[in-house]
Amino acid sequence: MTQTVFANYMGVSKKTVEAWECGRTHPTGPASRLLAILAAGKEKELSFVSIK
């Protein structure tokens, strides 16, 4: 997934995703929670996400 696609999915700018990846900033709030769920491999908890 590209940074642009991921940014659109998360509802943030591409620059925000770049900052997260470089460690300049960290996701907070809902973005942080969503990333934690994905990192834990619990995608099934996200009924609105279509995982193929």
Protein backbone atom coordinates (compact mmCIF):
# COMPACT_ATOMS: atom_id res chain seq x y z
CA MET A 1 0.00 0.00 0.00
CA THR A 2 1.37 3.41 -0.88
CA GLN A 3 1.60 6.25 1.60
CA THR A 4 -1.06 8.11 -0.37
CA VAL A 5 -3.50 5.20 -0.27
CA PHE A 6 -2.83 4.63 3.42
CA ALA A 7 -3.24 8.34 4.18
CA ASN A 8 -6.58 8.41 2.37
CA TYR A 9 -7.72 5.31 4.25
CA MET A 10 -6.71 6.82 7.60
CA GLY A 11 -8.12 10.25 6.78
CA VAL A 12 -4.81 12.05 7.15
CA SER A 13 -2.36 13.70 4.78
CA LYS A 14 0.52 11.92 3.08
CA LYS A 15 2.87 14.22 5.02
CA THR A 16 1.37 12.92 8.26
CA VAL A 17 2.06 9.33 7.23
CA GLU A 18 5.63 10.31 6.29
CA ALA A 19 6.10 11.89 9.73
CA TRP A 20 4.78 8.74 11.44
CA GLU A 21 7.13 6.55 9.45
CA CYS A 22 10.14 8.75 10.18
CA GLY A 23 9.29 8.97 13.89
CA ARG A 24 8.88 12.75 13.86
CA THR A 25 5.33 12.39 15.16
CA HIS A 26 3.15 9.54 16.37
CA PRO A 27 -0.46 8.71 15.61
CA THR A 28 -2.93 9.67 18.32
CA GLY A 29 -6.59 9.10 19.04
CA PRO A 30 -8.57 6.95 16.61
CA ALA A 31 -5.62 6.56 14.23
CA SER A 32 -3.50 5.14 17.04
CA ARG A 33 -6.24 2.70 18.07
CA LEU A 34 -6.83 1.52 14.49
CA LEU A 35 -3.11 0.93 13.94
CA ALA A 36 -2.89 -1.00 17.22
CA ILE A 37 -5.76 -3.27 16.15
CA LEU A 38 -4.12 -3.91 12.78
CA ALA A 39 -0.70 -4.53 14.37
CA ALA A 40 -2.26 -7.08 16.73
CA GLY A 41 -3.73 -8.96 13.76
CA LYS A 42 -7.30 -8.37 14.96
CA GLU A 43 -8.71 -7.10 11.67
CA LYS A 44 -11.90 -9.09 12.24
CA GLU A 45 -12.80 -6.61 14.98
CA LEU A 46 -13.10 -4.01 12.24
CA SER A 47 -16.33 -5.03 10.51
CA PHE A 48 -16.09 -1.98 8.23
CA VAL A 49 -12.69 -3.06 6.80
CA SER A 50 -12.58 -5.42 3.86
CA ILE A 51 -9.43 -7.57 4.15
CA LYS A 52 -8.71 -9.66 1.08
